[in-house]
Amino acid sequence: MTDNFTPGAFAEELAAAGIPDHMHAWLGGFGVGALVVKMGIHFLEMSPERTVATMPVEGNTQVAGILHGGAHVVLAETLGSFSAGMHAGPGRHAVGIEVNATHHRSIARGLVTGTCTAIHLGRTLATHEIVMTDAQGRRLSTARITNLLRDNAG
């Protein structure tokens, strides 16, 4: 049994999601989140300026058999929120205050890659653009998220 209060309780989850070892201290007591695990999101690169992850289409489709539009947004918000949280730094956290997405092309199978790039990294706000592409590099959707950066409750 694991809990949210034991340091390192989520070590296996973090490793399975591709979280680099040097970030385990930051996320060790929280994990990556149940939705990230359910969606099969796997991180390839992580920094405040750029975060990249993949997500399978399989298991994340809507009734027509294509990737659910909400799945695009989950990937986008995950990448933007993690990037903003890294920018916020120790003793601070990021809270999403706005997200939008435009869907350009559908996908019925394979892997989606989300690339999150910082637009603005300020003291109180962080804004990122996230582009989802297929294996051929074709743009599937474009999203933008703005996070409010706050101090942790003392």
Protein backbone atom coordinates (compact mmCIF):
# COMPACT_ATOMS: atom_id res chain seq x y z
CA MET A 1 0.00 0.00 0.00
CA THR A 2 1.24 3.51 -0.82
CA ASP A 3 0.11 6.84 0.45
CA ASN A 4 0.63 10.47 -0.50
CA PHE A 5 2.72 11.20 2.59
CA THR A 6 5.59 8.74 2.30
CA PRO A 7 8.60 10.23 0.48
CA GLY A 8 9.39 8.08 -2.53
CA ALA A 9 5.99 6.32 -2.38
CA PHE A 10 5.59 6.90 -6.11
CA ALA A 11 9.08 5.93 -7.28
CA GLU A 12 7.81 3.17 -9.60
CA GLU A 13 5.09 5.42 -11.04
CA LEU A 14 7.60 8.21 -11.71
CA ALA A 15 10.04 5.84 -13.40
CA ALA A 16 7.28 4.31 -15.56
CA ALA A 17 6.19 7.81 -16.66
CA GLY A 18 9.74 8.69 -17.72
CA ILE A 19 10.33 11.29 -14.99
CA PRO A 20 14.09 11.94 -14.75
CA ASP A 21 15.74 10.78 -11.51
CA HIS A 22 16.73 14.31 -10.49
CA MET A 23 13.01 15.25 -10.35
CA HIS A 24 11.96 12.39 -8.06
CA ALA A 25 12.55 14.46 -4.92
CA TRP A 26 10.06 17.06 -6.22
CA LEU A 27 7.35 14.55 -7.20
CA GLY A 28 8.17 11.62 -4.92
CA GLY A 29 5.41 12.34 -2.43
CA PHE A 30 2.75 13.05 -5.05
CA GLY A 31 3.45 11.03 -8.18
CA VAL A 32 2.42 12.19 -11.64
CA GLY A 33 -1.31 11.96 -10.97
CA ALA A 34 -3.86 9.23 -11.61
CA LEU A 35 -5.06 10.77 -14.89
CA VAL A 36 -1.53 10.90 -16.31
CA VAL A 37 -1.16 7.20 -15.48
CA LYS A 38 -4.58 6.29 -16.99
CA MET A 39 -3.85 8.21 -20.20
CA GLY A 40 -0.46 6.52 -20.62
CA ILE A 41 1.49 9.79 -20.79
CA HIS A 42 5.25 9.22 -20.90
CA PHE A 43 7.69 12.12 -20.46
CA LEU A 44 10.72 12.40 -22.72
CA GLU A 45 12.08 15.83 -21.77
CA MET A 46 11.26 18.17 -18.87
CA SER A 47 12.17 21.78 -18.17
CA PRO A 48 10.30 25.05 -17.55
CA GLU A 49 11.11 26.12 -21.12
CA ARG A 50 10.33 22.85 -22.93
CA THR A 51 8.60 19.63 -21.93
CA VAL A 52 7.91 16.74 -24.32
CA ALA A 53 5.78 13.64 -23.75
CA THR A 54 3.96 10.95 -25.70
CA MET A 55 0.48 9.51 -25.26
CA PRO A 56 -1.06 6.48 -26.99
CA VAL A 57 -4.22 6.90 -29.03
CA GLU A 58 -5.37 3.44 -27.95
CA GLY A 59 -7.49 3.68 -24.82
CA ASN A 60 -8.02 7.43 -25.28
CA THR A 61 -10.51 7.45 -28.15
CA GLN A 62 -14.05 8.74 -28.48
CA VAL A 63 -17.00 6.84 -29.96
CA ALA A 64 -15.93 7.48 -33.57
CA GLY A 65 -12.62 5.69 -32.92
CA ILE A 66 -10.37 8.77 -33.03
CA LEU A 67 -8.39 10.39 -30.24
CA HIS A 68 -10.80 12.24 -27.97
CA GLY A 69 -10.45 16.03 -28.10
CA GLY A 70 -10.36 16.05 -24.32
CA ALA A 71 -7.35 13.72 -24.44
CA HIS A 72 -5.49 16.36 -26.45
CA VAL A 73 -6.33 18.88 -23.73
CA VAL A 74 -5.28 16.50 -20.93
CA LEU A 75 -1.87 16.06 -22.58
CA ALA A 76 -1.56 19.81 -23.13
CA GLU A 77 -2.56 20.77 -19.60
CA THR A 78 -0.28 18.12 -18.12
CA LEU A 79 2.75 19.40 -20.02
CA GLY A 80 2.01 23.06 -19.38
CA SER A 81 1.30 22.52 -15.70
CA PHE A 82 4.46 20.48 -15.11
CA SER A 83 6.56 23.10 -16.94
CA ALA A 84 4.97 25.94 -14.96
CA GLY A 85 5.47 24.03 -11.70
CA MET A 86 9.17 23.62 -12.47
CA HIS A 87 9.41 27.34 -13.23
CA ALA A 88 7.58 28.23 -9.99
CA GLY A 89 10.34 26.49 -8.03
CA PRO A 90 10.59 25.25 -4.45
CA GLY A 91 7.94 26.52 -2.05
CA ARG A 92 5.64 27.53 -4.91
CA HIS A 93 3.08 25.81 -7.14
CA ALA A 94 1.26 26.40 -10.42
CA VAL A 95 -2.52 26.63 -10.77
CA GLY A 96 -4.06 26.52 -14.24
CA ILE A 97 -6.29 29.52 -14.90
CA GLU A 98 -6.91 29.24 -18.65
CA VAL A 99 -6.56 26.57 -21.32
CA ASN A 100 -7.70 26.48 -24.93
CA ALA A 101 -7.19 24.13 -27.84
CA THR A 102 -7.70 24.03 -31.57
CA HIS A 103 -7.96 20.61 -33.22
CA HIS A 104 -6.48 20.49 -36.73
CA ARG A 105 -6.42 16.80 -37.67
CA SER A 106 -7.71 13.53 -36.25
CA ILE A 107 -5.73 10.40 -35.44
CA ALA A 108 -7.09 6.87 -35.02
CA ARG A 109 -4.01 4.91 -33.93
CA GLY A 110 -0.42 5.31 -32.89
CA LEU A 111 1.31 7.70 -30.59
CA VAL A 112 0.80 11.42 -30.11
CA THR A 113 3.74 13.62 -29.15
CA GLY A 114 3.11 16.82 -27.22
CA THR A 115 5.77 19.52 -27.26
CA CYS A 116 5.31 22.29 -24.72
CA THR A 117 7.20 25.56 -25.25
CA ALA A 118 7.26 28.53 -22.91
CA ILE A 119 5.73 31.75 -24.22
CA HIS A 120 6.09 33.72 -20.97
CA LEU A 121 7.81 32.78 -17.71
CA GLY A 122 7.09 35.50 -15.19
CA ARG A 123 6.98 35.84 -11.42
CA THR A 124 3.21 35.33 -11.13
CA LEU A 125 2.18 33.89 -14.52
CA ALA A 126 3.55 31.26 -16.89
CA THR A 127 2.10 30.69 -20.36
CA HIS A 128 2.98 27.76 -22.61
CA GLU A 129 2.03 26.65 -26.12
CA ILE A 130 1.62 22.92 -26.64
CA VAL A 131 1.67 21.35 -30.11
CA MET A 132 0.47 17.76 -30.54
CA THR A 133 1.82 15.86 -33.56
CA ASP A 134 1.59 12.38 -35.04
CA ALA A 135 4.51 10.07 -35.93
CA GLN A 136 4.90 11.86 -39.29
CA GLY A 137 5.21 15.23 -37.54
CA ARG A 138 1.79 16.46 -38.71
CA ARG A 139 0.14 18.93 -36.33
CA LEU A 140 -2.95 17.41 -34.69
CA SER A 141 -3.80 20.22 -32.29
CA THR A 142 -2.46 23.39 -30.75
CA ALA A 143 -3.18 24.40 -27.16
CA ARG A 144 -2.21 27.21 -24.84
CA ILE A 145 -2.27 27.20 -21.04
CA THR A 146 -1.70 29.97 -18.53
CA ASN A 147 -0.82 29.10 -14.94
CA LEU A 148 -0.89 31.34 -11.91
CA LEU A 149 2.23 30.87 -9.77
CA ARG A 150 1.54 30.94 -6.04
CA ASP A 151 3.44 30.46 -2.82
CA ASN A 152 2.63 27.27 -0.92
CA ALA A 153 0.52 27.77 2.20
CA GLY A 154 2.83 28.19 5.16
